[in-house]
Amino acid sequence: MNWINVSVSIGLAIFATAFALANTTPVEISFMGLSTDQGPLYLPLYIAFVLGFFGGALALSFSRRKHKREIEQLRKENSLLTQEVENLRNIPLQDDL
């Protein structure tokens, strides 16, 4: 699994470098009245990518935390039910005949 992560990371790095080298056209960035000097085209795209990555990671962390709590609750419930089943198995049967 680790070699897959490394391979994908290297592939993305090569793609990002090739993209940056192919898109060096200067552009002016304006956002809500704020204007910057001209910069390469790949810069705003990289910034958007990084912001999206961190936004997704933040959303994923909230979801993961929720699921982690749910798993812990279900494990506790499973433990209690397993103990109850063991207790019921150990109760001697009474013959009322």
C-alpha atoms as a PDB file:
ATOM      1  CA  MET A   1       0.000   0.000   0.000  1.00  0.00           C
ATOM      2  CA  ASN A   2       2.863   2.351   0.789  1.00  0.00           C
ATOM      3  CA  TRP A   3       4.387   2.019  -2.680  1.00  0.00           C
ATOM      4  CA  ILE A   4       1.041   3.027  -4.184  1.00  0.00           C
ATOM      5  CA  ASN A   5       1.030   6.241  -2.134  1.00  0.00           C
ATOM      6  CA  VAL A   6       4.609   7.005  -3.148  1.00  0.00           C
ATOM      7  CA  SER A   7       3.860   6.296  -6.821  1.00  0.00           C
ATOM      8  CA  VAL A   8       0.781   8.513  -6.830  1.00  0.00           C
ATOM      9  CA  SER A   9       2.653  11.296  -5.008  1.00  0.00           C
ATOM     10  CA  ILE A  10       5.529  11.191  -7.483  1.00  0.00           C
ATOM     11  CA  GLY A  11       3.082  11.191 -10.397  1.00  0.00           C
ATOM     12  CA  LEU A  12       1.215  14.201  -9.002  1.00  0.00           C
ATOM     13  CA  ALA A  13       4.481  16.056  -8.375  1.00  0.00           C
ATOM     14  CA  ILE A  14       5.604  15.453 -11.964  1.00  0.00           C
ATOM     15  CA  PHE A  15       2.205  16.550 -13.280  1.00  0.00           C
ATOM     16  CA  ALA A  16       2.204  19.693 -11.107  1.00  0.00           C
ATOM     17  CA  THR A  17       5.707  20.627 -12.243  1.00  0.00           C
ATOM     18  CA  ALA A  18       4.839  20.105 -15.909  1.00  0.00           C
ATOM     19  CA  PHE A  19       1.649  22.135 -15.435  1.00  0.00           C
ATOM     20  CA  ALA A  20       3.565  24.983 -13.794  1.00  0.00           C
ATOM     21  CA  LEU A  21       6.173  25.047 -16.554  1.00  0.00           C
ATOM     22  CA  ALA A  22       3.488  25.094 -19.263  1.00  0.00           C
ATOM     23  CA  ASN A  23       1.390  27.870 -17.642  1.00  0.00           C
ATOM     24  CA  THR A  24       3.730  30.748 -16.900  1.00  0.00           C
ATOM     25  CA  THR A  25       1.552  33.367 -18.598  1.00  0.00           C
ATOM     26  CA  PRO A  26       1.281  36.410 -16.311  1.00  0.00           C
ATOM     27  CA  VAL A  27      -2.211  37.165 -15.017  1.00  0.00           C
ATOM     28  CA  GLU A  28      -3.578  39.810 -12.667  1.00  0.00           C
ATOM     29  CA  ILE A  29      -5.601  38.520  -9.740  1.00  0.00           C
ATOM     30  CA  SER A  30      -8.513  40.582  -8.389  1.00  0.00           C
ATOM     31  CA  PHE A  31     -10.724  39.455  -5.555  1.00  0.00           C
ATOM     32  CA  MET A  32     -13.379  41.627  -3.928  1.00  0.00           C
ATOM     33  CA  GLY A  33     -11.619  44.847  -4.822  1.00  0.00           C
ATOM     34  CA  LEU A  34      -8.188  43.620  -3.795  1.00  0.00           C
ATOM     35  CA  SER A  35      -5.797  43.572  -6.685  1.00  0.00           C
ATOM     36  CA  THR A  36      -2.322  42.094  -6.832  1.00  0.00           C
ATOM     37  CA  ASP A  37       0.593  42.416  -9.166  1.00  0.00           C
ATOM     38  CA  GLN A  38       0.786  40.086 -12.080  1.00  0.00           C
ATOM     39  CA  GLY A  39       1.885  36.546 -11.387  1.00  0.00           C
ATOM     40  CA  PRO A  40       2.080  33.244 -13.210  1.00  0.00           C
ATOM     41  CA  LEU A  41      -1.184  31.506 -14.074  1.00  0.00           C
ATOM     42  CA  TYR A  42      -0.346  28.396 -12.066  1.00  0.00           C
ATOM     43  CA  LEU A  43      -0.089  30.357  -8.801  1.00  0.00           C
ATOM     44  CA  PRO A  44      -3.830  31.040  -8.254  1.00  0.00           C
ATOM     45  CA  LEU A  45      -4.613  27.489  -9.336  1.00  0.00           C
ATOM     46  CA  TYR A  46      -2.158  26.050  -6.808  1.00  0.00           C
ATOM     47  CA  ILE A  47      -3.559  28.317  -4.098  1.00  0.00           C
ATOM     48  CA  ALA A  48      -7.101  27.141  -4.876  1.00  0.00           C
ATOM     49  CA  PHE A  49      -5.933  23.521  -4.827  1.00  0.00           C
ATOM     50  CA  VAL A  50      -4.193  23.912  -1.455  1.00  0.00           C
ATOM     51  CA  LEU A  51      -7.187  25.700   0.088  1.00  0.00           C
ATOM     52  CA  GLY A  52      -9.502  22.976  -1.221  1.00  0.00           C
ATOM     53  CA  PHE A  53      -7.205  20.282   0.150  1.00  0.00           C
ATOM     54  CA  PHE A  54      -7.166  21.780   3.637  1.00  0.00           C
ATOM     55  CA  GLY A  55     -10.922  22.435   3.539  1.00  0.00           C
ATOM     56  CA  GLY A  56     -11.538  18.809   2.603  1.00  0.00           C
ATOM     57  CA  ALA A  57      -9.145  17.580   5.284  1.00  0.00           C
ATOM     58  CA  LEU A  58     -10.966  19.685   7.884  1.00  0.00           C
ATOM     59  CA  ALA A  59     -14.361  18.333   6.820  1.00  0.00           C
ATOM     60  CA  LEU A  60     -12.987  14.792   6.852  1.00  0.00           C
ATOM     61  CA  SER A  61     -11.605  15.235  10.362  1.00  0.00           C
ATOM     62  CA  PHE A  62     -15.048  16.233  11.679  1.00  0.00           C
ATOM     63  CA  SER A  63     -16.654  13.242   9.976  1.00  0.00           C
ATOM     64  CA  ARG A  64     -13.941  10.895  11.228  1.00  0.00           C
ATOM     65  CA  ARG A  65     -14.327  12.152  14.797  1.00  0.00           C
ATOM     66  CA  LYS A  66     -18.084  11.525  14.631  1.00  0.00           C
ATOM     67  CA  HIS A  67     -17.616   7.985  13.333  1.00  0.00           C
ATOM     68  CA  LYS A  68     -14.900   7.270  15.885  1.00  0.00           C
ATOM     69  CA  ARG A  69     -17.277   8.188  18.740  1.00  0.00           C
ATOM     70  CA  GLU A  70     -20.005   6.025  17.212  1.00  0.00           C
ATOM     71  CA  ILE A  71     -17.635   3.058  16.891  1.00  0.00           C
ATOM     72  CA  GLU A  72     -16.548   3.438  20.521  1.00  0.00           C
ATOM     73  CA  GLN A  73     -20.188   3.538  21.660  1.00  0.00           C
ATOM     74  CA  LEU A  74     -21.012   0.423  19.620  1.00  0.00           C
ATOM     75  CA  ARG A  75     -17.987  -1.403  21.047  1.00  0.00           C
ATOM     76  CA  LYS A  76     -19.147  -0.653  24.592  1.00  0.00           C
ATOM     77  CA  GLU A  77     -22.656  -1.837  23.759  1.00  0.00           C
ATOM     78  CA  ASN A  78     -21.243  -4.987  22.154  1.00  0.00           C
ATOM     79  CA  SER A  79     -19.151  -5.680  25.245  1.00  0.00           C
ATOM     80  CA  LEU A  80     -22.169  -5.312  27.536  1.00  0.00           C
ATOM     81  CA  LEU A  81     -24.308  -7.567  25.360  1.00  0.00           C
ATOM     82  CA  THR A  82     -21.562 -10.180  25.122  1.00  0.00           C
ATOM     83  CA  GLN A  83     -21.245 -10.177  28.906  1.00  0.00           C
ATOM     84  CA  GLU A  84     -25.028 -10.519  29.250  1.00  0.00           C
ATOM     85  CA  VAL A  85     -25.052 -13.516  26.886  1.00  0.00           C
ATOM     86  CA  GLU A  86     -22.235 -15.144  28.887  1.00  0.00           C
ATOM     87  CA  ASN A  87     -24.157 -14.579  32.122  1.00  0.00           C
ATOM     88  CA  LEU A  88     -27.302 -16.100  30.629  1.00  0.00           C
ATOM     89  CA  ARG A  89     -25.354 -19.148  29.445  1.00  0.00           C
ATOM     90  CA  ASN A  90     -23.992 -19.728  32.927  1.00  0.00           C
ATOM     91  CA  ILE A  91     -27.386 -19.711  34.662  1.00  0.00           C
ATOM     92  CA  PRO A  92     -28.287 -23.265  35.641  1.00  0.00           C
ATOM     93  CA  LEU A  93     -31.495 -24.612  34.152  1.00  0.00           C
ATOM     94  CA  GLN A  94     -34.216 -25.550  36.623  1.00  0.00           C
ATOM     95  CA  ASP A  95     -36.348 -28.572  35.966  1.00  0.00           C
ATOM     96  CA  ASP A  96     -39.918 -27.847  37.117  1.00  0.00           C
ATOM     97  CA  LEU A  97     -41.283 -31.247  36.195  1.00  0.00           C
END
